[in-house]
């Protein structure tokens, strides 16, 4: 049991969030016992975390995991499948040459793409993802195009009509995208505003590549965005089930399975 009564609420909430990011699902009763607080306090902490988008409460419990109608928070996604994302991003960078215009969407796999891209300057980089903006703004020999809109703190990115309009006014040589779900019918995202922004950004890129760790494959979500034949390649990791990979390849998309 972890002592929680002496902690400040903000620290205790960080501890609860870290626990849920590791254990995925719990209940308010279990968390109250684990952190040595009252059930009322546990619910108050979970309500605060839910408002920030770190967790999702449901009848009987709380989770940091995504569902078909809810994407996990940026905190959860940033810490998940790190080795797989690094391997996928390294392979994706082979498609980029200095001088190209490159679009990256608000996926945490694209954060790992920045390491190899930094060595490929000069570049034009187009994004709506604030962590990308923060890092790339410090680079020399990069033209940074930010797709503005309404800031979404849970996804750390810009969305809405302004973002979609801005995406329609630029063109990229290549775009790198990730989605919450990918199956033989196409790509999916659970949340409407994010799905709309991604759809607008898809139209911006001449060549489109999916970067997706194996946990995304064979899944669907609430909003369908595009068919697989809109994409040139899908790069995933070697934990992807062979039958799922075979099914995706049957849809005329090149699927690259990268060792992680």
Protein backbone atom coordinates (compact mmCIF):
# COMPACT_ATOMS: atom_id res chain seq x y z
CA UNK A 1 0.00 0.00 0.00
CA UNK A 2 1.29 3.44 -0.94
CA UNK A 3 0.94 6.33 1.46
CA UNK A 4 -1.21 9.06 -0.06
CA UNK A 5 -2.71 11.09 2.77
CA UNK A 6 0.42 13.18 3.22
CA UNK A 7 0.86 13.86 -0.48
CA UNK A 8 -0.32 16.98 -2.22
CA UNK A 9 -3.24 16.22 -4.58
CA UNK A 10 -1.20 17.00 -7.70
CA UNK A 11 1.56 14.57 -6.74
CA UNK A 12 -0.91 11.88 -5.74
CA UNK A 13 -2.73 12.28 -9.06
CA UNK A 14 0.57 11.86 -10.91
CA UNK A 15 1.21 8.70 -8.91
CA UNK A 16 -2.27 7.39 -9.72
CA UNK A 17 -1.79 8.21 -13.40
CA UNK A 18 1.56 6.38 -13.47
CA UNK A 19 -0.03 3.37 -11.81
CA UNK A 20 -2.83 3.29 -14.38
CA UNK A 21 -0.43 3.72 -17.28
CA UNK A 22 1.29 0.55 -16.09
CA UNK A 23 -1.73 -1.47 -14.99
CA UNK A 24 -4.22 -0.11 -17.56
CA UNK A 25 -7.44 -0.66 -15.57
CA UNK A 26 -8.46 -0.35 -11.93
CA UNK A 27 -11.33 0.76 -9.69
CA UNK A 28 -11.74 3.74 -7.39
CA UNK A 29 -11.98 1.36 -4.41
CA UNK A 30 -8.69 -0.34 -5.30
CA UNK A 31 -6.95 3.00 -5.80
CA UNK A 32 -8.29 4.35 -2.50
CA UNK A 33 -6.78 1.36 -0.71
CA UNK A 34 -3.52 1.44 -2.63
CA UNK A 35 -2.95 5.17 -2.05
CA UNK A 36 -4.37 5.21 1.50
CA UNK A 37 -7.08 7.81 0.84
CA UNK A 38 -10.84 7.86 1.19
CA UNK A 39 -13.09 6.66 -1.62
CA UNK A 40 -14.36 10.23 -2.03
CA UNK A 41 -10.79 11.49 -2.47
CA UNK A 42 -10.01 8.72 -4.97
CA UNK A 43 -13.05 9.69 -7.05
CA UNK A 44 -12.02 13.36 -6.86
CA UNK A 45 -8.54 12.52 -8.10
CA UNK A 46 -9.92 10.40 -10.93
CA UNK A 47 -12.34 13.15 -11.94
CA UNK A 48 -9.40 15.57 -12.16
CA UNK A 49 -7.40 13.12 -14.29
CA UNK A 50 -10.40 12.46 -16.52
CA UNK A 51 -10.84 16.21 -17.14
CA UNK A 52 -7.22 16.30 -18.33
CA UNK A 53 -7.88 13.32 -20.57
CA UNK A 54 -5.31 11.13 -18.84
CA UNK A 55 -7.87 8.45 -17.87
CA UNK A 56 -11.38 7.44 -18.82
CA UNK A 57 -13.92 6.60 -16.14
CA UNK A 58 -16.61 4.05 -16.84
CA UNK A 59 -19.22 2.29 -14.73
CA UNK A 60 -17.29 0.15 -12.27
CA UNK A 61 -13.78 1.31 -13.07
CA UNK A 62 -11.22 3.56 -14.72
CA UNK A 63 -8.77 2.94 -17.54
CA UNK A 64 -5.87 4.58 -19.35
CA UNK A 65 -6.41 2.32 -22.35
CA UNK A 66 -8.19 3.36 -25.58
CA UNK A 67 -11.53 2.07 -26.83
CA UNK A 68 -13.42 2.26 -30.11
CA UNK A 69 -14.76 5.70 -29.09
CA UNK A 70 -11.88 7.03 -26.96
CA UNK A 71 -8.16 7.42 -27.66
CA UNK A 72 -5.74 7.13 -24.80
CA UNK A 73 -4.04 10.31 -23.62
CA UNK A 74 -0.78 11.68 -24.97
CA UNK A 75 0.84 10.65 -21.67
CA UNK A 76 -0.11 7.02 -22.20
CA UNK A 77 0.75 6.90 -25.90
CA UNK A 78 4.14 8.56 -25.45
CA UNK A 79 5.27 5.80 -23.10
CA UNK A 80 3.83 2.84 -25.01
CA UNK A 81 5.68 0.53 -27.47
CA UNK A 82 8.85 2.64 -27.44
CA UNK A 83 11.19 0.13 -29.11
CA UNK A 84 8.63 -0.66 -31.79
CA UNK A 85 8.02 3.02 -32.56
CA UNK A 86 11.74 3.76 -32.81
CA UNK A 87 12.28 0.90 -35.27
CA UNK A 88 9.28 1.93 -37.37
CA UNK A 89 10.38 5.57 -37.46
CA UNK A 90 13.94 4.67 -38.45
CA UNK A 91 12.64 2.69 -41.43
CA UNK A 92 10.27 5.50 -42.39
CA UNK A 93 13.13 8.01 -42.52
CA UNK A 94 14.61 6.06 -45.44
CA UNK A 95 11.79 7.52 -47.56
CA UNK A 96 12.87 11.13 -46.92
CA UNK A 97 15.54 13.06 -48.78
CA UNK A 98 16.93 16.52 -48.00
CA UNK A 99 14.86 19.28 -49.53
CA UNK A 100 11.54 17.45 -49.32
CA UNK A 101 8.36 18.76 -47.74
CA UNK A 102 7.25 16.32 -45.05
CA UNK A 103 3.93 16.21 -43.21
CA UNK A 104 3.68 14.52 -39.82
CA UNK A 105 0.40 14.12 -37.98
CA UNK A 106 -0.26 14.08 -34.25
CA UNK A 107 1.01 10.57 -33.57
CA UNK A 108 3.61 9.70 -30.97
CA UNK A 109 5.41 7.46 -33.46
CA UNK A 110 6.18 10.62 -35.42
CA UNK A 111 8.06 11.99 -32.40
CA UNK A 112 10.61 9.23 -32.97
CA UNK A 113 10.80 10.17 -36.64
CA UNK A 114 12.31 13.52 -35.66
CA UNK A 115 15.67 11.99 -34.66
CA UNK A 116 16.56 10.74 -38.16
CA UNK A 117 14.87 13.70 -39.86
CA UNK A 118 17.17 16.10 -38.04
CA UNK A 119 20.07 14.68 -40.05
CA UNK A 120 18.24 15.13 -43.37
CA UNK A 121 17.96 18.91 -43.37
CA UNK A 122 17.12 21.13 -45.16
CA UNK A 123 13.44 20.18 -44.97
CA UNK A 124 10.01 21.74 -44.93
CA UNK A 125 8.02 20.21 -42.08
CA UNK A 126 4.23 20.52 -41.86
CA UNK A 127 2.39 19.51 -38.68
CA UNK A 128 -0.44 20.19 -36.24
CA UNK A 129 1.38 18.40 -33.39
CA UNK A 130 2.67 20.76 -30.70
CA UNK A 131 5.53 18.52 -29.41
CA UNK A 132 6.87 18.44 -32.97
CA UNK A 133 6.58 22.22 -33.24
CA UNK A 134 8.41 22.70 -29.93
CA UNK A 135 11.36 20.59 -31.01
CA UNK A 136 11.65 21.50 -34.68
CA UNK A 137 11.40 25.22 -33.98
CA UNK A 138 14.93 24.95 -32.54
CA UNK A 139 16.39 23.48 -35.74
CA UNK A 140 18.26 25.38 -38.42
CA UNK A 141 17.60 24.78 -42.13
CA UNK A 142 13.98 23.79 -41.56
CA UNK A 143 10.92 25.62 -42.80
CA UNK A 144 8.22 24.87 -40.23
CA UNK A 145 4.57 25.11 -41.31
CA UNK A 146 2.13 24.88 -38.39
CA UNK A 147 -1.47 23.94 -39.12
CA UNK A 148 -3.34 26.14 -36.65
CA UNK A 149 -6.70 25.58 -35.04
CA UNK A 150 -8.18 24.94 -31.63
CA UNK A 151 -5.67 23.44 -29.20
CA UNK A 152 -6.59 20.02 -27.80
CA UNK A 153 -4.59 19.46 -24.62
CA UNK A 154 -5.33 15.75 -24.39
CA UNK A 155 -3.79 15.16 -27.83
CA UNK A 156 -1.32 18.09 -27.64
CA UNK A 157 -2.36 19.09 -31.14
CA UNK A 158 -4.46 21.52 -33.18
CA UNK A 159 -7.82 20.56 -34.65
CA UNK A 160 -11.04 22.08 -35.93
CA UNK A 161 -12.08 24.08 -38.97
CA UNK A 162 -8.99 26.32 -39.00
CA UNK A 163 -6.66 23.31 -38.99
CA UNK A 164 -8.59 21.60 -41.78
CA UNK A 165 -8.63 24.79 -43.85
CA UNK A 166 -4.88 25.30 -43.37
CA UNK A 167 -4.19 21.71 -44.42
CA UNK A 168 -6.08 22.31 -47.65
CA UNK A 169 -3.76 25.18 -48.59
CA UNK A 170 -0.43 23.34 -48.55
CA UNK A 171 1.07 20.31 -50.28
CA UNK A 172 3.62 17.84 -48.96
CA UNK A 173 5.86 15.48 -50.89
CA UNK A 174 5.23 12.78 -48.30
CA UNK A 175 3.06 12.40 -45.20
CA UNK A 176 3.47 10.08 -42.23
CA UNK A 177 0.30 9.10 -40.39
CA UNK A 178 -0.84 6.83 -37.60
CA UNK A 179 -4.34 5.71 -36.67
CA UNK A 180 -6.07 4.09 -33.72
CA UNK A 181 -7.23 1.18 -35.86
CA UNK A 182 -6.22 -0.39 -39.16
CA UNK A 183 -7.87 -3.33 -40.91
CA UNK A 184 -8.48 -4.54 -44.45
CA UNK A 185 -11.17 -1.91 -45.01
CA UNK A 186 -8.95 1.02 -44.11
CA UNK A 187 -7.94 3.28 -41.23
CA UNK A 188 -9.94 4.52 -38.24
CA UNK A 189 -9.92 6.98 -35.36
CA UNK A 190 -12.36 7.06 -32.42
CA UNK A 191 -12.75 10.83 -32.06
CA UNK A 192 -14.51 13.03 -34.58
CA UNK A 193 -12.37 16.18 -34.47
CA UNK A 194 -9.10 14.29 -34.69
CA UNK A 195 -10.48 12.14 -37.50
CA UNK A 196 -11.53 15.26 -39.44
CA UNK A 197 -8.07 16.82 -39.09
CA UNK A 198 -6.33 13.64 -40.17
CA UNK A 199 -8.62 13.32 -43.18
CA UNK A 200 -7.79 16.88 -44.27
CA UNK A 201 -4.08 16.22 -43.82
CA UNK A 202 -4.29 13.04 -45.90
CA UNK A 203 -5.39 15.17 -48.86
CA UNK A 204 -2.29 17.32 -48.39
CA UNK A 205 0.31 14.59 -48.99
CA UNK A 206 1.29 13.31 -52.44
CA UNK A 207 2.66 10.10 -50.93
CA UNK A 208 1.10 8.69 -47.74
CA UNK A 209 2.71 6.23 -45.34
CA UNK A 210 1.16 4.61 -42.27
CA UNK A 211 3.39 4.19 -39.22
CA UNK A 212 1.65 1.84 -36.79
CA UNK A 213 2.88 -0.48 -34.08
CA UNK A 214 1.26 -3.90 -34.11
CA UNK A 215 -1.28 -3.04 -31.40
CA UNK A 216 -3.16 -0.93 -33.99
CA UNK A 217 -3.52 -3.71 -36.57
CA UNK A 218 -6.74 -5.65 -36.91
CA UNK A 219 -8.64 -3.03 -34.88
CA UNK A 220 -11.37 -0.59 -35.81
CA UNK A 221 -12.69 2.59 -34.21
CA UNK A 222 -15.79 4.74 -34.52
CA UNK A 223 -14.77 6.85 -37.53
CA UNK A 224 -13.52 5.39 -40.81
CA UNK A 225 -11.14 7.76 -42.61
CA UNK A 226 -9.76 6.22 -45.79
CA UNK A 227 -9.16 2.91 -47.62
CA UNK A 228 -5.76 1.24 -47.54
CA UNK A 229 -5.15 1.87 -51.23
CA UNK A 230 -4.85 5.58 -50.42
CA UNK A 231 -1.46 4.73 -48.88
CA UNK A 232 1.85 3.71 -50.41
CA UNK A 233 3.18 1.76 -47.44
CA UNK A 234 2.38 0.55 -43.95
CA UNK A 235 5.35 0.11 -41.63
CA UNK A 236 4.81 -1.96 -38.48
CA UNK A 237 6.78 -4.11 -36.06
CA UNK A 238 7.51 -7.81 -35.93
CA UNK A 239 4.86 -8.50 -33.28
CA UNK A 240 2.18 -8.07 -35.93
CA UNK A 241 0.21 -11.33 -36.37
CA UNK A 242 1.07 -13.02 -39.68
CA UNK A 243 -2.58 -13.49 -40.65
CA UNK A 244 -3.33 -9.80 -40.12
CA UNK A 245 -0.30 -8.77 -42.17
CA UNK A 246 -1.36 -11.14 -44.96
CA UNK A 247 -4.85 -9.67 -44.94
CA UNK A 248 -3.51 -6.14 -45.21
CA UNK A 249 -1.18 -7.10 -48.04
CA UNK A 250 -4.15 -8.48 -49.95
CA UNK A 251 -5.42 -4.89 -50.21
CA UNK A 252 -2.56 -3.78 -52.50
CA UNK A 253 -0.55 -1.93 -49.87
CA UNK A 254 3.11 -2.65 -49.24
CA UNK A 255 3.42 -3.81 -45.63
CA UNK A 256 6.91 -3.60 -44.15
CA UNK A 257 7.52 -5.54 -40.93
CA UNK A 258 10.46 -4.01 -39.10
CA UNK A 259 12.47 -5.79 -36.39
CA UNK A 260 12.15 -3.95 -33.06
